[in-house]
Amino acid sequence: MTLTRTPAPTEGEAAQALAHIPQRPSILFACRDNSGLSLLAEAMVNHAHRQIRAFSAGIHGSGEVDSVLVDCLDREGIPSDGLSSKPLELFGFSGAPRIDLVVSLVGDAAPRIERMTGVARLPVETWTLEDPSAVSDPRRRRQLYRSLLPRLRDGIAALAAARTEPAAFAA
């Protein structure tokens, strides 16, 4: 289970790009099916980092929100209200929320993200994490979500550090 950053958020162009956006930046977290991993990142950002808006989507269609994820979020005191599974294509439509940075949470998402209309011009950062949706045992999935929390917190904190003046980003 590794978290690799290409480039590292503390040094990467993507993190620096967030610092220069005059309005509150939006990050899209993408994983395979948007049933757990990307929803976890979305919920964590929206709960702890008001200076950034987060969304999530799946590259291979959308699935059901993982009930084990909801349990994990509840145990961490992170609201799960409003989380829903969405396909990546939704963010390429006219009228979709503005996205300033895409964070791919699985290695194979980047090529699909880059083919999307409008998203190809966005910075894409890749964090390679073990995908809980590939684990069938609910107990093991719960353990995996819990083990991913510190890694996601670190990566998210590095991105949020570029936005250190919350007063400038009123919603």
N, C-alpha and C. Protein backbone atom coordinates (compact mmCIF):
# COMPACT_ATOMS: atom_id res chain seq x y z
N MET A 1 0.85 -1.16 0.00
CA MET A 1 0.00 0.00 0.00
C MET A 1 0.90 1.22 0.00
N THR A 2 0.97 1.91 -1.12
CA THR A 2 1.86 3.05 -1.22
C THR A 2 1.10 4.28 -1.66
N LEU A 3 1.62 5.39 -1.26
CA LEU A 3 1.13 6.67 -1.74
C LEU A 3 2.29 7.32 -2.44
N THR A 4 2.21 7.37 -3.75
CA THR A 4 3.27 8.04 -4.50
C THR A 4 2.66 9.26 -5.14
N ARG A 5 3.42 10.27 -5.23
CA ARG A 5 2.93 11.51 -5.82
C ARG A 5 3.81 11.85 -7.00
N THR A 6 3.18 12.12 -8.10
CA THR A 6 3.92 12.50 -9.28
C THR A 6 3.33 13.79 -9.82
N PRO A 7 3.88 14.92 -9.55
CA PRO A 7 4.96 15.24 -8.62
C PRO A 7 4.42 15.30 -7.20
N ALA A 8 5.31 15.39 -6.22
CA ALA A 8 4.90 15.47 -4.82
C ALA A 8 4.11 16.75 -4.60
N PRO A 9 2.98 16.68 -3.87
CA PRO A 9 2.15 17.87 -3.70
C PRO A 9 2.90 19.06 -3.10
N THR A 10 3.87 18.83 -2.25
CA THR A 10 4.58 19.96 -1.66
C THR A 10 5.49 20.65 -2.65
N GLU A 11 5.87 19.96 -3.71
CA GLU A 11 6.79 20.53 -4.68
C GLU A 11 6.18 20.65 -6.06
N GLY A 12 5.05 20.01 -6.29
CA GLY A 12 4.50 19.89 -7.62
C GLY A 12 3.87 21.14 -8.17
N GLU A 13 3.81 21.18 -9.48
CA GLU A 13 3.17 22.28 -10.16
C GLU A 13 1.70 22.37 -9.81
N ALA A 14 1.05 21.22 -9.58
CA ALA A 14 -0.37 21.22 -9.27
C ALA A 14 -0.65 21.95 -7.97
N ALA A 15 0.12 21.66 -6.93
CA ALA A 15 -0.07 22.33 -5.65
C ALA A 15 0.21 23.83 -5.79
N GLN A 16 1.22 24.18 -6.55
CA GLN A 16 1.54 25.58 -6.76
C GLN A 16 0.45 26.28 -7.56
N ALA A 17 -0.17 25.55 -8.49
CA ALA A 17 -1.24 26.14 -9.29
C ALA A 17 -2.41 26.55 -8.40
N LEU A 18 -2.69 25.78 -7.37
CA LEU A 18 -3.79 26.12 -6.47
C LEU A 18 -3.54 27.45 -5.76
N ALA A 19 -2.28 27.73 -5.48
CA ALA A 19 -1.94 28.96 -4.75
C ALA A 19 -2.27 30.20 -5.56
N HIS A 20 -2.33 30.11 -6.88
CA HIS A 20 -2.52 31.29 -7.73
C HIS A 20 -3.95 31.45 -8.23
N ILE A 21 -4.85 30.62 -7.79
CA ILE A 21 -6.24 30.72 -8.21
C ILE A 21 -6.93 31.74 -7.30
N PRO A 22 -7.49 32.81 -7.87
CA PRO A 22 -8.05 33.86 -7.02
C PRO A 22 -9.29 33.44 -6.23
N GLN A 23 -10.10 32.57 -6.77
CA GLN A 23 -11.29 32.10 -6.07
C GLN A 23 -10.99 30.80 -5.33
N ARG A 24 -11.96 30.30 -4.61
CA ARG A 24 -11.81 29.03 -3.89
C ARG A 24 -11.62 27.90 -4.91
N PRO A 25 -10.46 27.21 -4.88
CA PRO A 25 -10.18 26.18 -5.89
C PRO A 25 -11.01 24.91 -5.67
N SER A 26 -11.21 24.18 -6.75
CA SER A 26 -11.95 22.92 -6.72
C SER A 26 -11.04 21.80 -7.16
N ILE A 27 -11.06 20.72 -6.39
CA ILE A 27 -10.27 19.52 -6.71
C ILE A 27 -11.23 18.38 -7.00
N LEU A 28 -10.94 17.64 -8.06
CA LEU A 28 -11.69 16.44 -8.40
C LEU A 28 -10.81 15.24 -8.10
N PHE A 29 -11.26 14.38 -7.18
CA PHE A 29 -10.56 13.13 -6.87
C PHE A 29 -11.18 12.03 -7.72
N ALA A 30 -10.35 11.28 -8.44
CA ALA A 30 -10.85 10.23 -9.31
C ALA A 30 -10.26 8.88 -8.90
N CYS A 31 -11.12 7.87 -8.88
CA CYS A 31 -10.67 6.50 -8.67
C CYS A 31 -11.43 5.62 -9.66
N ARG A 32 -11.39 4.31 -9.46
CA ARG A 32 -12.00 3.41 -10.44
C ARG A 32 -13.51 3.54 -10.55
N ASP A 33 -14.22 3.37 -9.41
CA ASP A 33 -15.68 3.34 -9.52
C ASP A 33 -16.40 4.36 -8.64
N ASN A 34 -15.67 5.17 -7.92
CA ASN A 34 -16.24 6.21 -7.06
C ASN A 34 -17.21 5.63 -6.03
N SER A 35 -16.84 4.47 -5.49
CA SER A 35 -17.67 3.89 -4.43
C SER A 35 -17.04 4.07 -3.06
N GLY A 36 -15.72 4.38 -3.02
CA GLY A 36 -15.07 4.49 -1.72
C GLY A 36 -13.90 5.45 -1.67
N LEU A 37 -12.81 5.13 -2.34
CA LEU A 37 -11.56 5.86 -2.19
C LEU A 37 -11.68 7.34 -2.52
N SER A 38 -12.20 7.67 -3.67
CA SER A 38 -12.32 9.08 -4.05
C SER A 38 -13.38 9.79 -3.20
N LEU A 39 -14.42 9.06 -2.80
CA LEU A 39 -15.42 9.64 -1.89
C LEU A 39 -14.80 9.95 -0.53
N LEU A 40 -13.89 9.09 -0.08
CA LEU A 40 -13.19 9.32 1.18
C LEU A 40 -12.41 10.63 1.11
N ALA A 41 -11.66 10.82 0.03
CA ALA A 41 -10.88 12.05 -0.14
C ALA A 41 -11.79 13.27 -0.22
N GLU A 42 -12.88 13.17 -0.98
CA GLU A 42 -13.84 14.27 -1.09
C GLU A 42 -14.38 14.66 0.28
N ALA A 43 -14.82 13.68 1.05
CA ALA A 43 -15.40 13.96 2.37
C ALA A 43 -14.36 14.57 3.31
N MET A 44 -13.13 14.08 3.25
CA MET A 44 -12.08 14.60 4.13
C MET A 44 -11.78 16.07 3.83
N VAL A 45 -11.67 16.41 2.55
CA VAL A 45 -11.39 17.80 2.17
C VAL A 45 -12.55 18.71 2.58
N ASN A 46 -13.76 18.32 2.22
CA ASN A 46 -14.91 19.18 2.50
C ASN A 46 -15.17 19.34 3.99
N HIS A 47 -14.72 18.39 4.79
CA HIS A 47 -14.88 18.47 6.24
C HIS A 47 -13.81 19.35 6.89
N ALA A 48 -12.58 19.23 6.45
CA ALA A 48 -11.46 19.84 7.18
C ALA A 48 -10.80 21.03 6.48
N HIS A 49 -11.11 21.26 5.22
CA HIS A 49 -10.40 22.31 4.47
C HIS A 49 -11.41 23.19 3.72
N ARG A 50 -12.00 24.12 4.42
CA ARG A 50 -13.04 24.98 3.84
C ARG A 50 -12.51 25.89 2.73
N GLN A 51 -11.18 26.03 2.64
CA GLN A 51 -10.61 26.90 1.61
C GLN A 51 -10.56 26.20 0.24
N ILE A 52 -10.97 24.93 0.20
CA ILE A 52 -10.97 24.14 -1.04
C ILE A 52 -12.31 23.42 -1.16
N ARG A 53 -12.83 23.32 -2.38
CA ARG A 53 -14.02 22.49 -2.63
C ARG A 53 -13.55 21.19 -3.25
N ALA A 54 -14.14 20.09 -2.84
CA ALA A 54 -13.74 18.79 -3.39
C ALA A 54 -14.94 18.08 -4.01
N PHE A 55 -14.65 17.36 -5.08
CA PHE A 55 -15.62 16.51 -5.76
C PHE A 55 -14.93 15.18 -6.00
N SER A 56 -15.70 14.18 -6.40
CA SER A 56 -15.11 12.88 -6.73
C SER A 56 -15.88 12.26 -7.88
N ALA A 57 -15.20 11.32 -8.56
CA ALA A 57 -15.82 10.62 -9.69
C ALA A 57 -15.08 9.32 -9.94
N GLY A 58 -15.74 8.43 -10.68
CA GLY A 58 -15.14 7.15 -11.05
C GLY A 58 -14.83 7.09 -12.52
N ILE A 59 -13.70 6.46 -12.88
CA ILE A 59 -13.31 6.39 -14.28
C ILE A 59 -13.99 5.25 -15.02
N HIS A 60 -14.47 4.24 -14.32
CA HIS A 60 -15.14 3.11 -14.96
C HIS A 60 -16.61 3.07 -14.56
N GLY A 61 -17.28 4.17 -14.75
CA GLY A 61 -18.68 4.24 -14.36
C GLY A 61 -18.78 4.48 -12.86
N SER A 62 -19.99 4.49 -12.39
CA SER A 62 -20.18 4.73 -10.97
C SER A 62 -20.81 3.51 -10.33
N GLY A 63 -20.60 3.38 -9.07
CA GLY A 63 -21.14 2.26 -8.32
C GLY A 63 -21.93 2.77 -7.13
N GLU A 64 -22.22 1.89 -6.23
CA GLU A 64 -22.90 2.26 -5.00
C GLU A 64 -21.88 2.79 -4.01
N VAL A 65 -22.31 3.70 -3.16
CA VAL A 65 -21.43 4.18 -2.09
C VAL A 65 -21.23 3.02 -1.12
N ASP A 66 -19.97 2.71 -0.83
CA ASP A 66 -19.61 1.59 0.03
C ASP A 66 -20.08 1.86 1.46
N SER A 67 -20.92 0.98 1.99
CA SER A 67 -21.42 1.15 3.36
C SER A 67 -20.28 1.07 4.38
N VAL A 68 -19.23 0.34 4.07
CA VAL A 68 -18.06 0.27 4.96
C VAL A 68 -17.37 1.63 5.01
N LEU A 69 -17.33 2.33 3.89
CA LEU A 69 -16.77 3.69 3.86
C LEU A 69 -17.59 4.62 4.75
N VAL A 70 -18.91 4.54 4.62
CA VAL A 70 -19.79 5.40 5.43
C VAL A 70 -19.55 5.14 6.91
N ASP A 71 -19.40 3.89 7.29
CA ASP A 71 -19.11 3.53 8.67
C ASP A 71 -17.77 4.12 9.12
N CYS A 72 -16.77 4.02 8.27
CA CYS A 72 -15.44 4.56 8.57
C CYS A 72 -15.51 6.08 8.77
N LEU A 73 -16.22 6.77 7.88
CA LEU A 73 -16.36 8.21 8.01
C LEU A 73 -17.08 8.58 9.30
N ASP A 74 -18.15 7.85 9.63
CA ASP A 74 -18.89 8.11 10.86
C ASP A 74 -17.99 7.96 12.08
N ARG A 75 -17.18 6.93 12.09
CA ARG A 75 -16.26 6.69 13.21
C ARG A 75 -15.20 7.79 13.34
N GLU A 76 -14.87 8.42 12.23
CA GLU A 76 -13.89 9.51 12.24
C GLU A 76 -14.52 10.88 12.49
N GLY A 77 -15.85 10.92 12.56
CA GLY A 77 -16.54 12.19 12.76
C GLY A 77 -16.59 13.04 11.51
N ILE A 78 -16.48 12.40 10.36
CA ILE A 78 -16.53 13.10 9.07
C ILE A 78 -17.89 12.85 8.44
N PRO A 79 -18.65 13.89 8.15
CA PRO A 79 -19.99 13.70 7.58
C PRO A 79 -19.94 12.98 6.23
N SER A 80 -20.90 12.09 6.04
CA SER A 80 -21.02 11.39 4.76
C SER A 80 -22.26 11.84 3.99
N ASP A 81 -23.00 12.77 4.56
CA ASP A 81 -24.21 13.28 3.91
C ASP A 81 -23.88 13.84 2.54
N GLY A 82 -24.69 13.51 1.57
CA GLY A 82 -24.52 14.06 0.23
C GLY A 82 -23.52 13.35 -0.65
N LEU A 83 -22.80 12.36 -0.12
CA LEU A 83 -21.86 11.62 -0.98
C LEU A 83 -22.64 10.75 -1.94
N SER A 84 -22.25 10.79 -3.19
CA SER A 84 -22.87 9.93 -4.20
C SER A 84 -21.82 9.55 -5.24
N SER A 85 -22.03 8.40 -5.83
CA SER A 85 -21.12 7.90 -6.84
C SER A 85 -21.46 8.54 -8.18
N LYS A 86 -20.42 9.06 -8.87
CA LYS A 86 -20.62 9.76 -10.13
C LYS A 86 -19.59 9.30 -11.15
N PRO A 87 -19.96 9.26 -12.43
CA PRO A 87 -18.97 8.95 -13.46
C PRO A 87 -18.12 10.19 -13.78
N LEU A 88 -16.90 9.96 -14.17
CA LEU A 88 -15.96 11.03 -14.50
C LEU A 88 -16.50 11.94 -15.61
N GLU A 89 -17.20 11.36 -16.56
CA GLU A 89 -17.72 12.12 -17.70
C GLU A 89 -18.63 13.27 -17.28
N LEU A 90 -19.26 13.14 -16.13
CA LEU A 90 -20.15 14.18 -15.62
C LEU A 90 -19.44 15.53 -15.53
N PHE A 91 -18.16 15.51 -15.23
CA PHE A 91 -17.41 16.75 -15.05
C PHE A 91 -16.91 17.34 -16.37
N GLY A 92 -17.18 16.68 -17.46
CA GLY A 92 -16.84 17.21 -18.78
C GLY A 92 -18.02 17.91 -19.44
N PHE A 93 -19.21 17.83 -18.83
CA PHE A 93 -20.42 18.44 -19.41
C PHE A 93 -20.46 19.94 -19.14
N SER A 94 -21.14 20.64 -20.03
CA SER A 94 -21.39 22.05 -19.83
C SER A 94 -22.22 22.22 -18.56
N GLY A 95 -21.87 23.19 -17.76
CA GLY A 95 -22.60 23.43 -16.52
C GLY A 95 -22.07 22.66 -15.33
N ALA A 96 -21.08 21.80 -15.57
CA ALA A 96 -20.46 21.05 -14.46
C ALA A 96 -19.65 22.03 -13.60
N PRO A 97 -19.40 21.66 -12.34
CA PRO A 97 -18.57 22.54 -11.51
C PRO A 97 -17.20 22.77 -12.13
N ARG A 98 -16.67 23.96 -11.92
CA ARG A 98 -15.32 24.29 -12.37
C ARG A 98 -14.33 23.44 -11.58
N ILE A 99 -13.38 22.82 -12.26
CA ILE A 99 -12.36 22.01 -11.60
C ILE A 99 -11.01 22.65 -11.90
N ASP A 100 -10.20 22.81 -10.85
CA ASP A 100 -8.89 23.43 -11.00
C ASP A 100 -7.74 22.43 -10.97
N LEU A 101 -7.98 21.27 -10.36
CA LEU A 101 -6.96 20.24 -10.22
C LEU A 101 -7.65 18.90 -10.16
N VAL A 102 -7.11 17.90 -10.84
CA VAL A 102 -7.60 16.53 -10.75
C VAL A 102 -6.53 15.71 -10.05
N VAL A 103 -6.95 14.96 -9.02
CA VAL A 103 -6.04 14.05 -8.33
C VAL A 103 -6.53 12.64 -8.62
N SER A 104 -5.73 11.91 -9.37
CA SER A 104 -6.02 10.52 -9.67
C SER A 104 -5.50 9.68 -8.51
N LEU A 105 -6.36 8.89 -7.90
CA LEU A 105 -5.98 8.09 -6.74
C LEU A 105 -5.54 6.68 -7.12
N VAL A 106 -5.66 6.34 -8.38
CA VAL A 106 -5.21 5.04 -8.89
C VAL A 106 -4.43 5.30 -10.18
N GLY A 107 -3.43 4.49 -10.42
CA GLY A 107 -2.52 4.71 -11.53
C GLY A 107 -3.15 4.73 -12.91
N ASP A 108 -4.20 3.95 -13.13
CA ASP A 108 -4.74 3.86 -14.49
C ASP A 108 -5.77 4.94 -14.81
N ALA A 109 -6.00 5.87 -13.93
CA ALA A 109 -7.01 6.91 -14.18
C ALA A 109 -6.49 8.05 -15.05
N ALA A 110 -5.22 8.37 -14.95
CA ALA A 110 -4.67 9.54 -15.64
C ALA A 110 -4.96 9.56 -17.14
N PRO A 111 -4.75 8.46 -17.89
CA PRO A 111 -5.02 8.53 -19.33
C PRO A 111 -6.49 8.84 -19.65
N ARG A 112 -7.40 8.28 -18.89
CA ARG A 112 -8.83 8.52 -19.12
C ARG A 112 -9.18 9.97 -18.78
N ILE A 113 -8.60 10.48 -17.71
CA ILE A 113 -8.85 11.86 -17.31
C ILE A 113 -8.37 12.81 -18.40
N GLU A 114 -7.20 12.54 -18.95
CA GLU A 114 -6.63 13.42 -19.95
C GLU A 114 -7.41 13.42 -21.26
N ARG A 115 -8.19 12.37 -21.52
CA ARG A 115 -9.00 12.32 -22.74
C ARG A 115 -10.31 13.09 -22.60
N MET A 116 -10.69 13.46 -21.40
CA MET A 116 -11.95 14.16 -21.19
C MET A 116 -11.90 15.57 -21.76
N THR A 117 -12.97 15.98 -22.36
CA THR A 117 -13.08 17.34 -22.87
C THR A 117 -12.96 18.32 -21.72
N GLY A 118 -12.11 19.30 -21.85
CA GLY A 118 -11.96 20.33 -20.84
C GLY A 118 -11.00 19.94 -19.72
N VAL A 119 -10.91 18.68 -19.39
CA VAL A 119 -10.04 18.26 -18.29
C VAL A 119 -8.60 18.16 -18.75
N ALA A 120 -8.39 17.94 -20.04
CA ALA A 120 -7.03 17.78 -20.56
C ALA A 120 -6.16 19.01 -20.28
N ARG A 121 -6.78 20.16 -20.14
CA ARG A 121 -6.02 21.39 -19.88
C ARG A 121 -5.72 21.57 -18.40
N LEU A 122 -6.25 20.72 -17.55
CA LEU A 122 -6.07 20.86 -16.11
C LEU A 122 -4.84 20.11 -15.63
N PRO A 123 -4.25 20.58 -14.54
CA PRO A 123 -3.18 19.80 -13.93
C PRO A 123 -3.75 18.50 -13.36
N VAL A 124 -3.07 17.41 -13.61
CA VAL A 124 -3.47 16.10 -13.07
C VAL A 124 -2.32 15.58 -12.23
N GLU A 125 -2.61 15.25 -11.01
CA GLU A 125 -1.63 14.70 -10.10
C GLU A 125 -2.05 13.27 -9.78
N THR A 126 -1.09 12.36 -9.70
CA THR A 126 -1.41 10.96 -9.44
C THR A 126 -0.87 10.54 -8.09
N TRP A 127 -1.75 10.01 -7.26
CA TRP A 127 -1.39 9.39 -5.99
C TRP A 127 -1.80 7.94 -6.13
N THR A 128 -0.88 7.02 -6.08
CA THR A 128 -1.20 5.61 -6.25
C THR A 128 -1.46 4.98 -4.88
N LEU A 129 -2.72 4.62 -4.66
CA LEU A 129 -3.16 4.02 -3.41
C LEU A 129 -3.80 2.67 -3.68
N GLU A 130 -3.79 1.80 -2.69
CA GLU A 130 -4.51 0.54 -2.82
C GLU A 130 -6.01 0.86 -2.83
N ASP A 131 -6.73 0.27 -3.76
CA ASP A 131 -8.14 0.57 -3.95
C ASP A 131 -9.01 -0.36 -3.11
N PRO A 132 -9.71 0.15 -2.09
CA PRO A 132 -10.56 -0.70 -1.26
C PRO A 132 -11.69 -1.38 -2.03
N SER A 133 -12.12 -0.81 -3.14
CA SER A 133 -13.23 -1.42 -3.89
C SER A 133 -12.85 -2.78 -4.46
N ALA A 134 -11.55 -3.06 -4.55
CA ALA A 134 -11.09 -4.36 -5.06
C ALA A 134 -11.07 -5.43 -3.97
N VAL A 135 -11.37 -5.05 -2.72
CA VAL A 135 -11.33 -5.97 -1.59
C VAL A 135 -12.75 -6.40 -1.25
N SER A 136 -13.04 -7.70 -1.32
CA SER A 136 -14.41 -8.16 -1.09
C SER A 136 -14.77 -8.30 0.39
N ASP A 137 -13.81 -8.61 1.24
CA ASP A 137 -14.07 -8.81 2.66
C ASP A 137 -14.31 -7.47 3.35
N PRO A 138 -15.50 -7.23 3.91
CA PRO A 138 -15.80 -5.93 4.55
C PRO A 138 -14.85 -5.59 5.70
N ARG A 139 -14.44 -6.58 6.47
CA ARG A 139 -13.52 -6.33 7.59
C ARG A 139 -12.16 -5.83 7.07
N ARG A 140 -11.67 -6.44 6.04
CA ARG A 140 -10.40 -6.04 5.42
C ARG A 140 -10.53 -4.65 4.79
N ARG A 141 -11.68 -4.38 4.14
CA ARG A 141 -11.91 -3.06 3.55
C ARG A 141 -11.91 -1.98 4.62
N ARG A 142 -12.53 -2.26 5.77
CA ARG A 142 -12.57 -1.31 6.88
C ARG A 142 -11.14 -1.00 7.35
N GLN A 143 -10.33 -2.04 7.48
CA GLN A 143 -8.93 -1.85 7.89
C GLN A 143 -8.17 -1.02 6.85
N LEU A 144 -8.44 -1.30 5.59
CA LEU A 144 -7.76 -0.57 4.52
C LEU A 144 -8.14 0.91 4.53
N TYR A 145 -9.42 1.20 4.66
CA TYR A 145 -9.84 2.61 4.74
C TYR A 145 -9.13 3.31 5.91
N ARG A 146 -9.11 2.67 7.06
CA ARG A 146 -8.47 3.27 8.23
C ARG A 146 -6.97 3.49 8.00
N SER A 147 -6.32 2.55 7.32
CA SER A 147 -4.88 2.71 7.06
C SER A 147 -4.61 3.79 6.02
N LEU A 148 -5.58 4.08 5.15
CA LEU A 148 -5.41 5.11 4.14
C LEU A 148 -5.64 6.52 4.68
N LEU A 149 -6.37 6.64 5.77
CA LEU A 149 -6.69 7.96 6.32
C LEU A 149 -5.45 8.84 6.54
N PRO A 150 -4.41 8.36 7.24
CA PRO A 150 -3.24 9.23 7.46
C PRO A 150 -2.54 9.62 6.15
N ARG A 151 -2.48 8.72 5.21
CA ARG A 151 -1.81 9.02 3.94
C ARG A 151 -2.60 10.08 3.16
N LEU A 152 -3.91 9.92 3.14
CA LEU A 152 -4.73 10.92 2.46
C LEU A 152 -4.66 12.26 3.18
N ARG A 153 -4.70 12.24 4.50
CA ARG A 153 -4.60 13.50 5.26
C ARG A 153 -3.31 14.24 4.91
N ASP A 154 -2.20 13.51 4.82
CA ASP A 154 -0.91 14.14 4.49
C ASP A 154 -0.94 14.77 3.09
N GLY A 155 -1.43 14.02 2.11
CA GLY A 155 -1.49 14.54 0.75
C GLY A 155 -2.42 15.73 0.63
N ILE A 156 -3.59 15.63 1.28
CA ILE A 156 -4.56 16.72 1.24
C ILE A 156 -4.01 17.95 1.96
N ALA A 157 -3.36 17.73 3.09
CA ALA A 157 -2.78 18.86 3.83
C ALA A 157 -1.73 19.58 3.00
N ALA A 158 -0.96 18.84 2.23
CA ALA A 158 0.04 19.46 1.37
C ALA A 158 -0.62 20.32 0.30
N LEU A 159 -1.73 19.85 -0.26
CA LEU A 159 -2.45 20.66 -1.24
C LEU A 159 -3.07 21.88 -0.59
N ALA A 160 -3.66 21.69 0.58
CA ALA A 160 -4.31 22.79 1.28
C ALA A 160 -3.31 23.83 1.76
N ALA A 161 -2.07 23.43 2.01
CA ALA A 161 -1.05 24.36 2.48
C ALA A 161 -0.82 25.48 1.47
N ALA A 162 -1.10 25.21 0.21
CA ALA A 162 -0.96 26.25 -0.82
C ALA A 162 -2.01 27.34 -0.65
N ARG A 163 -3.05 27.02 0.10
CA ARG A 163 -4.15 27.96 0.34
C ARG A 163 -4.18 28.32 1.83
N THR A 164 -3.20 29.06 2.29
CA THR A 164 -3.05 29.31 3.72
C THR A 164 -3.83 30.50 4.25
N GLU A 165 -4.53 31.22 3.39
CA GLU A 165 -5.29 32.38 3.84
C GLU A 165 -6.77 32.16 3.63
N PRO A 166 -7.43 31.39 4.54
CA PRO A 166 -8.85 31.06 4.35
C PRO A 166 -9.77 32.25 4.19
N ALA A 167 -9.46 33.38 4.78
CA ALA A 167 -10.35 34.55 4.69
C ALA A 167 -10.52 35.01 3.24
N ALA A 168 -9.57 34.72 2.40
CA ALA A 168 -9.65 35.13 1.00
C ALA A 168 -10.53 34.23 0.16
N PHE A 169 -11.04 33.17 0.75
CA PHE A 169 -11.77 32.18 -0.05
C PHE A 169 -13.19 31.98 0.44
N ALA A 170 -13.88 32.98 0.73
CA ALA A 170 -15.27 32.84 1.19
C ALA A 170 -16.08 32.14 0.11
N ALA A 171 -16.90 31.21 0.53
CA ALA A 171 -17.67 30.40 -0.42
C ALA A 171 -18.71 31.23 -1.14
